[in-house]
Amino acid sequence: RTAKDYFSTSSKGGEIFTGHSLYEDLKEHLLGSHDKRQKVRDFER
């Protein structure tokens, strides 16, 4: 909805984060490299 109301496909300048992708983002980091897992640990701390 945000992209449709405010941005065209060509003009969107980066990522739109609404909280919806938190589940997939966390899964990617926890199953990723040590640095990615450490970022999650720092956030939890």
All heavy atoms as atom14 arrays in JSON, in Angstrom:
{
  "sequence": "RTAKDYFSTSSKGGEIFTGHSLYEDLKEHLLGSHDKRQKVRDFER",
  "atom14_mask": [
    [1, 1, 1, 1, 1, 1, 1, 1, 1, 1, 1, 0, 0, 0],
    [1, 1, 1, 1, 1, 1, 1, 0, 0, 0, 0, 0, 0, 0],
    [1, 1, 1, 1, 1, 0, 0, 0, 0, 0, 0, 0, 0, 0],
    [1, 1, 1, 1, 1, 1, 1, 1, 1, 0, 0, 0, 0, 0],
    [1, 1, 1, 1, 1, 1, 1, 1, 0, 0, 0, 0, 0, 0],
    [1, 1, 1, 1, 1, 1, 1, 1, 1, 1, 1, 1, 0, 0],
    [1, 1, 1, 1, 1, 1, 1, 1, 1, 1, 1, 0, 0, 0],
    [1, 1, 1, 1, 1, 1, 0, 0, 0, 0, 0, 0, 0, 0],
    [1, 1, 1, 1, 1, 1, 1, 0, 0, 0, 0, 0, 0, 0],
    [1, 1, 1, 1, 1, 1, 0, 0, 0, 0, 0, 0, 0, 0],
    [1, 1, 1, 1, 1, 1, 0, 0, 0, 0, 0, 0, 0, 0],
    [1, 1, 1, 1, 1, 1, 1, 1, 1, 0, 0, 0, 0, 0],
    [1, 1, 1, 1, 0, 0, 0, 0, 0, 0, 0, 0, 0, 0],
    [1, 1, 1, 1, 0, 0, 0, 0, 0, 0, 0, 0, 0, 0],
    [1, 1, 1, 1, 1, 1, 1, 1, 1, 0, 0, 0, 0, 0],
    [1, 1, 1, 1, 1, 1, 1, 1, 0, 0, 0, 0, 0, 0],
    [1, 1, 1, 1, 1, 1, 1, 1, 1, 1, 1, 0, 0, 0],
    [1, 1, 1, 1, 1, 1, 1, 0, 0, 0, 0, 0, 0, 0],
    [1, 1, 1, 1, 0, 0, 0, 0, 0, 0, 0, 0, 0, 0],
    [1, 1, 1, 1, 1, 1, 1, 1, 1, 1, 0, 0, 0, 0],
    [1, 1, 1, 1, 1, 1, 0, 0, 0, 0, 0, 0, 0, 0],
    [1, 1, 1, 1, 1, 1, 1, 1, 0, 0, 0, 0, 0, 0],
    [1, 1, 1, 1, 1, 1, 1, 1, 1, 1, 1, 1, 0, 0],
    [1, 1, 1, 1, 1, 1, 1, 1, 1, 0, 0, 0, 0, 0],
    [1, 1, 1, 1, 1, 1, 1, 1, 0, 0, 0, 0, 0, 0],
    [1, 1, 1, 1, 1, 1, 1, 1, 0, 0, 0, 0, 0, 0],
    [1, 1, 1, 1, 1, 1, 1, 1, 1, 0, 0, 0, 0, 0],
    [1, 1, 1, 1, 1, 1, 1, 1, 1, 0, 0, 0, 0, 0],
    [1, 1, 1, 1, 1, 1, 1, 1, 1, 1, 0, 0, 0, 0],
    [1, 1, 1, 1, 1, 1, 1, 1, 0, 0, 0, 0, 0, 0],
    [1, 1, 1, 1, 1, 1, 1, 1, 0, 0, 0, 0, 0, 0],
    [1, 1, 1, 1, 0, 0, 0, 0, 0, 0, 0, 0, 0, 0],
    [1, 1, 1, 1, 1, 1, 0, 0, 0, 0, 0, 0, 0, 0],
    [1, 1, 1, 1, 1, 1, 1, 1, 1, 1, 0, 0, 0, 0],
    [1, 1, 1, 1, 1, 1, 1, 1, 0, 0, 0, 0, 0, 0],
    [1, 1, 1, 1, 1, 1, 1, 1, 1, 0, 0, 0, 0, 0],
    [1, 1, 1, 1, 1, 1, 1, 1, 1, 1, 1, 0, 0, 0],
    [1, 1, 1, 1, 1, 1, 1, 1, 1, 0, 0, 0, 0, 0],
    [1, 1, 1, 1, 1, 1, 1, 1, 1, 0, 0, 0, 0, 0],
    [1, 1, 1, 1, 1, 1, 1, 0, 0, 0, 0, 0, 0, 0],
    [1, 1, 1, 1, 1, 1, 1, 1, 1, 1, 1, 0, 0, 0],
    [1, 1, 1, 1, 1, 1, 1, 1, 0, 0, 0, 0, 0, 0],
    [1, 1, 1, 1, 1, 1, 1, 1, 1, 1, 1, 0, 0, 0],
    [1, 1, 1, 1, 1, 1, 1, 1, 1, 0, 0, 0, 0, 0],
    [1, 1, 1, 1, 1, 1, 1, 1, 1, 1, 1, 0, 0, 0]
  ],
  "atom14_positions": [
    [[0.82, -1.2, 0.0], [0.0, 0.0, 0.0], [0.87, 1.26, 0.0], [0.58, 2.24, -0.71], [-0.91, -0.02, 1.23], [-1.92, 1.1, 1.3], [-3.06, 0.83, 0.34], [-3.11, 1.79, -0.72], [-4.08, 1.81, -1.64], [-5.03, 0.91, -1.63], [-4.08, 2.72, -2.6], [0.0, 0.0, 0.0], [0.0, 0.0, 0.0], [0.0, 0.0, 0.0]],
    [[1.93, 1.24, 0.79], [2.83, 2.39, 0.86], [3.48, 2.64, -0.5], [3.54, 3.78, -0.98], [3.91, 2.16, 1.92], [3.3, 2.0, 3.2], [4.88, 3.33, 1.98], [0.0, 0.0, 0.0], [0.0, 0.0, 0.0], [0.0, 0.0, 0.0], [0.0, 0.0, 0.0], [0.0, 0.0, 0.0], [0.0, 0.0, 0.0], [0.0, 0.0, 0.0]],
    [[3.98, 1.57, -1.12], [4.63, 1.72, -2.42], [3.64, 2.22, -3.48], [3.97, 3.07, -4.3], [5.23, 0.38, -2.85], [0.0, 0.0, 0.0], [0.0, 0.0, 0.0], [0.0, 0.0, 0.0], [0.0, 0.0, 0.0], [0.0, 0.0, 0.0], [0.0, 0.0, 0.0], [0.0, 0.0, 0.0], [0.0, 0.0, 0.0], [0.0, 0.0, 0.0]],
    [[2.42, 1.7, -3.46], [1.42, 2.1, -4.44], [1.03, 3.56, -4.28], [0.86, 4.29, -5.27], [0.18, 1.22, -4.31], [-0.91, 1.55, -5.33], [-2.1, 0.61, -5.17], [-3.19, 0.98, -6.19], [-4.37, 0.06, -6.08], [0.0, 0.0, 0.0], [0.0, 0.0, 0.0], [0.0, 0.0, 0.0], [0.0, 0.0, 0.0], [0.0, 0.0, 0.0]],
    [[0.87, 4.0, -3.04], [0.44, 5.37, -2.78], [1.53, 6.41, -3.05], [1.24, 7.51, -3.53], [-0.04, 5.52, -1.33], [-1.34, 4.79, -1.08], [-2.03, 4.44, -2.06], [-1.67, 4.56, 0.1], [0.0, 0.0, 0.0], [0.0, 0.0, 0.0], [0.0, 0.0, 0.0], [0.0, 0.0, 0.0], [0.0, 0.0, 0.0], [0.0, 0.0, 0.0]],
    [[2.76, 6.07, -2.71], [3.8, 7.09, -2.69], [4.92, 6.91, -3.71], [5.61, 7.86, -4.05], [4.43, 7.16, -1.29], [3.46, 7.52, -0.21], [3.41, 6.79, 0.99], [2.57, 8.58, -0.35], [2.52, 7.13, 2.0], [1.67, 8.92, 0.64], [1.65, 8.18, 1.82], [0.77, 8.51, 2.81], [0.0, 0.0, 0.0], [0.0, 0.0, 0.0]],
    [[5.16, 5.68, -4.16], [6.32, 5.45, -4.99], [5.96, 4.64, -6.24], [5.18, 3.69, -6.16], [7.39, 4.65, -4.22], [7.7, 5.21, -2.86], [7.39, 4.49, -1.71], [8.28, 6.45, -2.72], [7.67, 4.99, -0.45], [8.56, 6.97, -1.46], [8.26, 6.24, -0.33], [0.0, 0.0, 0.0], [0.0, 0.0, 0.0], [0.0, 0.0, 0.0]],
    [[6.57, 5.03, -7.35], [6.49, 4.17, -8.53], [7.61, 3.16, -8.45], [8.56, 3.31, -7.68], [6.62, 5.01, -9.8], [7.93, 5.56, -9.89], [0.0, 0.0, 0.0], [0.0, 0.0, 0.0], [0.0, 0.0, 0.0], [0.0, 0.0, 0.0], [0.0, 0.0, 0.0], [0.0, 0.0, 0.0], [0.0, 0.0, 0.0], [0.0, 0.0, 0.0]],
    [[7.53, 2.1, -9.26], [8.56, 1.06, -9.22], [9.93, 1.62, -9.51], [10.93, 1.23, -8.9], [8.24, -0.05, -10.25], [6.93, -0.56, -9.97], [9.25, -1.18, -10.16], [0.0, 0.0, 0.0], [0.0, 0.0, 0.0], [0.0, 0.0, 0.0], [0.0, 0.0, 0.0], [0.0, 0.0, 0.0], [0.0, 0.0, 0.0], [0.0, 0.0, 0.0]],
    [[9.98, 2.6, -10.41], [11.28, 3.16, -10.82], [11.83, 4.17, -9.84], [13.03, 4.42, -9.8], [11.16, 3.82, -12.19], [10.18, 4.86, -12.15], [0.0, 0.0, 0.0], [0.0, 0.0, 0.0], [0.0, 0.0, 0.0], [0.0, 0.0, 0.0], [0.0, 0.0, 0.0], [0.0, 0.0, 0.0], [0.0, 0.0, 0.0], [0.0, 0.0, 0.0]],
    [[10.94, 4.77, -9.02], [11.4, 5.86, -8.15], [11.73, 5.42, -6.74], [12.33, 6.16, -5.98], [10.34, 6.97, -8.09], [9.2, 6.54, -7.35], [0.0, 0.0, 0.0], [0.0, 0.0, 0.0], [0.0, 0.0, 0.0], [0.0, 0.0, 0.0], [0.0, 0.0, 0.0], [0.0, 0.0, 0.0], [0.0, 0.0, 0.0], [0.0, 0.0, 0.0]],
    [[11.3, 4.22, -6.35], [11.56, 3.78, -4.97], [13.06, 3.71, -4.74], [13.77, 2.99, -5.46], [10.89, 2.43, -4.72], [10.9, 2.02, -3.26], [10.06, 0.79, -3.03], [10.71, -0.45, -3.59], [10.0, -1.69, -3.2], [0.0, 0.0, 0.0], [0.0, 0.0, 0.0], [0.0, 0.0, 0.0], [0.0, 0.0, 0.0], [0.0, 0.0, 0.0]],
    [[13.54, 4.44, -3.75], [14.99, 4.6, -3.61], [15.66, 3.55, -2.75], [16.88, 3.55, -2.62], [0.0, 0.0, 0.0], [0.0, 0.0, 0.0], [0.0, 0.0, 0.0], [0.0, 0.0, 0.0], [0.0, 0.0, 0.0], [0.0, 0.0, 0.0], [0.0, 0.0, 0.0], [0.0, 0.0, 0.0], [0.0, 0.0, 0.0], [0.0, 0.0, 0.0]],
    [[14.91, 2.64, -2.13], [15.53, 1.67, -1.24], [14.48, 0.73, -0.68], [13.42, 0.52, -1.27], [0.0, 0.0, 0.0], [0.0, 0.0, 0.0], [0.0, 0.0, 0.0], [0.0, 0.0, 0.0], [0.0, 0.0, 0.0], [0.0, 0.0, 0.0], [0.0, 0.0, 0.0], [0.0, 0.0, 0.0], [0.0, 0.0, 0.0], [0.0, 0.0, 0.0]],
    [[14.75, 0.2, 0.49], [13.86, -0.78, 1.11], [12.78, -0.1, 1.93], [13.03, 0.88, 2.65], [14.67, -1.71, 2.02], [13.84, -2.72, 2.77], [14.65, -3.54, 3.75], [15.89, -3.31, 3.84], [14.08, -4.41, 4.42], [0.0, 0.0, 0.0], [0.0, 0.0, 0.0], [0.0, 0.0, 0.0], [0.0, 0.0, 0.0], [0.0, 0.0, 0.0]],
    [[11.56, -0.6, 1.83], [10.46, -0.18, 2.7], [10.28, -1.26, 3.76], [9.97, -2.41, 3.44], [9.15, 0.01, 1.92], [9.32, 1.11, 0.86], [8.01, 0.38, 2.88], [8.1, 1.28, -0.04], [0.0, 0.0, 0.0], [0.0, 0.0, 0.0], [0.0, 0.0, 0.0], [0.0, 0.0, 0.0], [0.0, 0.0, 0.0], [0.0, 0.0, 0.0]],
    [[10.46, -0.89, 5.03], [10.37, -1.86, 6.12], [9.19, -1.51, 7.0], [9.12, -0.43, 7.6], [11.65, -1.86, 6.94], [11.64, -2.85, 8.07], [11.62, -4.22, 7.83], [11.63, -2.42, 9.4], [11.6, -5.14, 8.88], [11.62, -3.33, 10.46], [11.6, -4.69, 10.19], [0.0, 0.0, 0.0], [0.0, 0.0, 0.0], [0.0, 0.0, 0.0]],
    [[8.24, -2.43, 7.11], [7.03, -2.21, 7.9], [6.98, -3.11, 9.14], [6.05, -2.98, 9.94], [5.77, -2.5, 7.06], [5.73, -3.9, 6.76], [5.77, -1.69, 5.77], [0.0, 0.0, 0.0], [0.0, 0.0, 0.0], [0.0, 0.0, 0.0], [0.0, 0.0, 0.0], [0.0, 0.0, 0.0], [0.0, 0.0, 0.0], [0.0, 0.0, 0.0]],
    [[7.94, -4.03, 9.28], [7.91, -4.99, 10.37], [7.47, -6.37, 9.92], [7.72, -7.37, 10.6], [0.0, 0.0, 0.0], [0.0, 0.0, 0.0], [0.0, 0.0, 0.0], [0.0, 0.0, 0.0], [0.0, 0.0, 0.0], [0.0, 0.0, 0.0], [0.0, 0.0, 0.0], [0.0, 0.0, 0.0], [0.0, 0.0, 0.0], [0.0, 0.0, 0.0]],
    [[6.8, -6.44, 8.76], [6.25, -7.7, 8.27], [7.35, -8.73, 8.01], [7.16, -9.93, 8.25], [5.45, -7.45, 7.0], [4.79, -8.69, 6.44], [5.46, -9.59, 5.63], [3.53, -9.16, 6.58], [4.64, -10.56, 5.3], [3.45, -10.33, 5.86], [0.0, 0.0, 0.0], [0.0, 0.0, 0.0], [0.0, 0.0, 0.0], [0.0, 0.0, 0.0]],
    [[8.51, -8.27, 7.52], [9.58, -9.2, 7.12], [10.48, -9.6, 8.29], [11.49, -10.29, 8.07], [10.43, -8.56, 6.02], [11.13, -7.41, 6.52], [0.0, 0.0, 0.0], [0.0, 0.0, 0.0], [0.0, 0.0, 0.0], [0.0, 0.0, 0.0], [0.0, 0.0, 0.0], [0.0, 0.0, 0.0], [0.0, 0.0, 0.0], [0.0, 0.0, 0.0]],
    [[10.15, -9.2, 9.52], [11.01, -9.51, 10.66], [11.26, -11.01, 10.79], [12.39, -11.45, 11.05], [10.39, -8.96, 11.96], [11.2, -9.22, 13.24], [12.49, -8.41, 13.22], [10.38, -8.87, 14.48], [0.0, 0.0, 0.0], [0.0, 0.0, 0.0], [0.0, 0.0, 0.0], [0.0, 0.0, 0.0], [0.0, 0.0, 0.0], [0.0, 0.0, 0.0]],
    [[10.22, -11.81, 10.59], [10.34, -13.26, 10.71], [11.39, -13.8, 9.73], [12.32, -14.52, 10.13], [8.97, -13.91, 10.46], [8.96, -15.42, 10.58], [8.63, -16.04, 11.78], [9.25, -16.23, 9.47], [8.6, -17.43, 11.88], [9.24, -17.6, 9.57], [8.91, -18.2, 10.77], [8.88, -19.58, 10.88], [0.0, 0.0, 0.0], [0.0, 0.0, 0.0]],
    [[11.27, -13.46, 8.45], [12.2, -13.95, 7.43], [13.59, -13.36, 7.62], [14.6, -14.04, 7.41], [11.66, -13.63, 6.04], [10.41, -14.41, 5.66], [10.66, -15.91, 5.62], [11.8, -16.33, 5.31], [9.71, -16.68, 5.93], [0.0, 0.0, 0.0], [0.0, 0.0, 0.0], [0.0, 0.0, 0.0], [0.0, 0.0, 0.0], [0.0, 0.0, 0.0]],
    [[13.66, -12.11, 8.02], [14.96, -11.47, 8.25], [15.72, -12.16, 9.37], [16.93, -12.42, 9.27], [14.78, -9.99, 8.6], [14.34, -9.16, 7.4], [14.52, -9.63, 6.27], [13.81, -8.05, 7.62], [0.0, 0.0, 0.0], [0.0, 0.0, 0.0], [0.0, 0.0, 0.0], [0.0, 0.0, 0.0], [0.0, 0.0, 0.0], [0.0, 0.0, 0.0]],
    [[15.01, -12.46, 10.46], [15.65, -13.15, 11.58], [16.12, -14.55, 11.18], [17.22, -14.98, 11.53], [14.68, -13.25, 12.76], [14.73, -12.14, 13.81], [13.63, -12.35, 14.84], [16.09, -12.08, 14.49], [0.0, 0.0, 0.0], [0.0, 0.0, 0.0], [0.0, 0.0, 0.0], [0.0, 0.0, 0.0], [0.0, 0.0, 0.0], [0.0, 0.0, 0.0]],
    [[15.28, -15.27, 10.44], [15.62, -16.62, 10.01], [16.89, -16.59, 9.13], [17.79, -17.42, 9.29], [14.46, -17.23, 9.24], [14.66, -18.71, 8.92], [13.35, -19.36, 8.49], [12.88, -18.81, 7.16], [11.69, -19.57, 6.65], [0.0, 0.0, 0.0], [0.0, 0.0, 0.0], [0.0, 0.0, 0.0], [0.0, 0.0, 0.0], [0.0, 0.0, 0.0]],
    [[16.95, -15.6, 8.23], [18.12, -15.47, 7.36], [19.38, -15.22, 8.16], [20.45, -15.8, 7.89], [17.89, -14.34, 6.36], [19.09, -14.07, 5.46], [18.9, -12.82, 4.62], [17.76, -12.35, 4.48], [19.92, -12.28, 4.13], [0.0, 0.0, 0.0], [0.0, 0.0, 0.0], [0.0, 0.0, 0.0], [0.0, 0.0, 0.0], [0.0, 0.0, 0.0]],
    [[19.29, -14.35, 9.17], [20.48, -14.02, 9.97], [20.9, -15.19, 10.87], [22.09, -15.48, 11.0], [20.22, -12.77, 10.81], [20.43, -11.5, 10.05], [19.51, -11.01, 9.14], [21.47, -10.6, 10.06], [19.94, -9.88, 8.63], [21.13, -9.6, 9.17], [0.0, 0.0, 0.0], [0.0, 0.0, 0.0], [0.0, 0.0, 0.0], [0.0, 0.0, 0.0]],
    [[19.93, -15.83, 11.51], [20.27, -16.91, 12.44], [20.81, -18.14, 11.72], [21.55, -18.94, 12.3], [19.04, -17.28, 13.26], [18.6, -16.22, 14.29], [17.28, -16.62, 14.94], [19.67, -16.0, 15.35], [0.0, 0.0, 0.0], [0.0, 0.0, 0.0], [0.0, 0.0, 0.0], [0.0, 0.0, 0.0], [0.0, 0.0, 0.0], [0.0, 0.0, 0.0]],
    [[20.46, -18.31, 10.45], [20.97, -19.43, 9.66], [22.12, -19.01, 8.76], [22.58, -19.79, 7.92], [19.84, -20.03, 8.8], [18.67, -20.65, 9.57], [17.59, -21.13, 8.61], [19.15, -21.79, 10.48], [0.0, 0.0, 0.0], [0.0, 0.0, 0.0], [0.0, 0.0, 0.0], [0.0, 0.0, 0.0], [0.0, 0.0, 0.0], [0.0, 0.0, 0.0]],
    [[22.59, -17.76, 8.95], [23.65, -17.24, 8.1], [25.02, -17.34, 8.74], [25.3, -18.2, 9.58], [0.0, 0.0, 0.0], [0.0, 0.0, 0.0], [0.0, 0.0, 0.0], [0.0, 0.0, 0.0], [0.0, 0.0, 0.0], [0.0, 0.0, 0.0], [0.0, 0.0, 0.0], [0.0, 0.0, 0.0], [0.0, 0.0, 0.0], [0.0, 0.0, 0.0]],
    [[25.89, -16.41, 8.37], [27.28, -16.4, 8.83], [27.36, -16.04, 10.31], [26.37, -15.61, 10.92], [28.09, -15.39, 8.02], [27.62, -14.07, 8.27], [0.0, 0.0, 0.0], [0.0, 0.0, 0.0], [0.0, 0.0, 0.0], [0.0, 0.0, 0.0], [0.0, 0.0, 0.0], [0.0, 0.0, 0.0], [0.0, 0.0, 0.0], [0.0, 0.0, 0.0]],
    [[28.56, -16.21, 10.86], [28.78, -15.85, 12.27], [28.49, -14.37, 12.5], [27.9, -13.99, 13.52], [30.22, -16.19, 12.67], [30.57, -15.73, 14.06], [31.08, -14.48, 14.33], [30.45, -16.37, 15.26], [31.28, -14.36, 15.62], [30.9, -15.49, 16.21], [0.0, 0.0, 0.0], [0.0, 0.0, 0.0], [0.0, 0.0, 0.0], [0.0, 0.0, 0.0]],
    [[28.92, -13.52, 11.56], [28.69, -12.07, 11.7], [27.2, -11.76, 11.76], [26.76, -10.91, 12.54], [29.35, -11.31, 10.55], [30.87, -11.28, 10.68], [31.37, -11.57, 11.79], [31.55, -10.98, 9.68], [0.0, 0.0, 0.0], [0.0, 0.0, 0.0], [0.0, 0.0, 0.0], [0.0, 0.0, 0.0], [0.0, 0.0, 0.0], [0.0, 0.0, 0.0]],
    [[26.42, -12.44, 10.93], [24.97, -12.21, 10.92], [24.34, -12.66, 12.24], [23.48, -11.98, 12.8], [24.32, -12.93, 9.74], [24.56, -12.27, 8.38], [23.85, -13.03, 7.29], [23.99, -12.34, 5.94], [23.25, -11.08, 5.87], [0.0, 0.0, 0.0], [0.0, 0.0, 0.0], [0.0, 0.0, 0.0], [0.0, 0.0, 0.0], [0.0, 0.0, 0.0]],
    [[24.76, -13.81, 12.72], [24.23, -14.3, 14.0], [24.63, -13.36, 15.14], [23.85, -13.13, 16.08], [24.75, -15.72, 14.28], [24.26, -16.75, 13.29], [24.45, -18.19, 13.8], [25.85, -18.47, 14.12], [26.75, -18.9, 13.24], [26.39, -19.07, 11.97], [27.99, -19.18, 13.62], [0.0, 0.0, 0.0], [0.0, 0.0, 0.0], [0.0, 0.0, 0.0]],
    [[25.84, -12.8, 15.05], [26.31, -11.89, 16.1], [25.48, -10.62, 16.12], [25.22, -10.04, 17.18], [27.78, -11.56, 15.89], [28.41, -10.73, 17.01], [28.32, -11.43, 18.36], [28.62, -12.63, 18.47], [27.9, -10.7, 19.39], [0.0, 0.0, 0.0], [0.0, 0.0, 0.0], [0.0, 0.0, 0.0], [0.0, 0.0, 0.0], [0.0, 0.0, 0.0]],
    [[25.05, -10.15, 14.95], [24.2, -8.95, 14.89], [22.9, -9.19, 15.64], [22.41, -8.32, 16.37], [23.93, -8.57, 13.43], [25.11, -7.93, 12.71], [24.74, -7.59, 11.28], [25.9, -6.91, 10.56], [26.21, -5.6, 11.11], [0.0, 0.0, 0.0], [0.0, 0.0, 0.0], [0.0, 0.0, 0.0], [0.0, 0.0, 0.0], [0.0, 0.0, 0.0]],
    [[22.32, -10.37, 15.46], [21.09, -10.7, 16.18], [21.35, -10.74, 17.68], [20.55, -10.23, 18.49], [20.52, -12.05, 15.7], [19.31, -12.46, 16.56], [20.12, -11.96, 14.24], [0.0, 0.0, 0.0], [0.0, 0.0, 0.0], [0.0, 0.0, 0.0], [0.0, 0.0, 0.0], [0.0, 0.0, 0.0], [0.0, 0.0, 0.0], [0.0, 0.0, 0.0]],
    [[22.48, -11.33, 18.07], [22.81, -11.42, 19.5], [23.0, -10.03, 20.09], [22.55, -9.77, 21.22], [24.08, -12.27, 19.68], [24.39, -12.55, 21.14], [23.27, -13.35, 21.78], [23.37, -13.32, 23.25], [22.36, -13.07, 24.06], [21.16, -12.82, 23.57], [22.52, -13.11, 25.36], [0.0, 0.0, 0.0], [0.0, 0.0, 0.0], [0.0, 0.0, 0.0]],
    [[23.63, -9.15, 19.34], [23.81, -7.76, 19.82], [22.47, -7.07, 19.99], [22.26, -6.31, 20.95], [24.68, -6.97, 18.83], [26.14, -7.42, 18.84], [26.55, -8.09, 19.81], [26.85, -7.12, 17.86], [0.0, 0.0, 0.0], [0.0, 0.0, 0.0], [0.0, 0.0, 0.0], [0.0, 0.0, 0.0], [0.0, 0.0, 0.0], [0.0, 0.0, 0.0]],
    [[21.55, -7.35, 19.08], [20.23, -6.74, 19.16], [19.46, -7.28, 20.37], [18.81, -6.52, 21.11], [19.45, -7.02, 17.87], [18.11, -6.34, 17.8], [17.99, -4.97, 17.93], [16.95, -7.08, 17.6], [16.76, -4.34, 17.85], [15.72, -6.47, 17.53], [15.62, -5.09, 17.66], [0.0, 0.0, 0.0], [0.0, 0.0, 0.0], [0.0, 0.0, 0.0]],
    [[19.55, -8.58, 20.6], [18.9, -9.17, 21.77], [19.48, -8.6, 23.06], [18.74, -8.34, 24.02], [19.07, -10.7, 21.74], [18.29, -11.37, 20.63], [18.65, -12.85, 20.48], [19.77, -13.23, 20.89], [17.81, -13.61, 19.95], [0.0, 0.0, 0.0], [0.0, 0.0, 0.0], [0.0, 0.0, 0.0], [0.0, 0.0, 0.0], [0.0, 0.0, 0.0]],
    [[20.78, -8.4, 23.09], [21.41, -7.83, 24.28], [20.94, -6.4, 24.51], [20.71, -5.97, 25.65], [22.94, -7.88, 24.12], [23.7, -7.47, 25.39], [25.2, -7.54, 25.19], [25.63, -8.92, 24.88], [26.08, -9.3, 23.69], [26.19, -8.42, 22.71], [26.45, -10.55, 23.48], [0.0, 0.0, 0.0], [0.0, 0.0, 0.0], [0.0, 0.0, 0.0]]
  ]
}
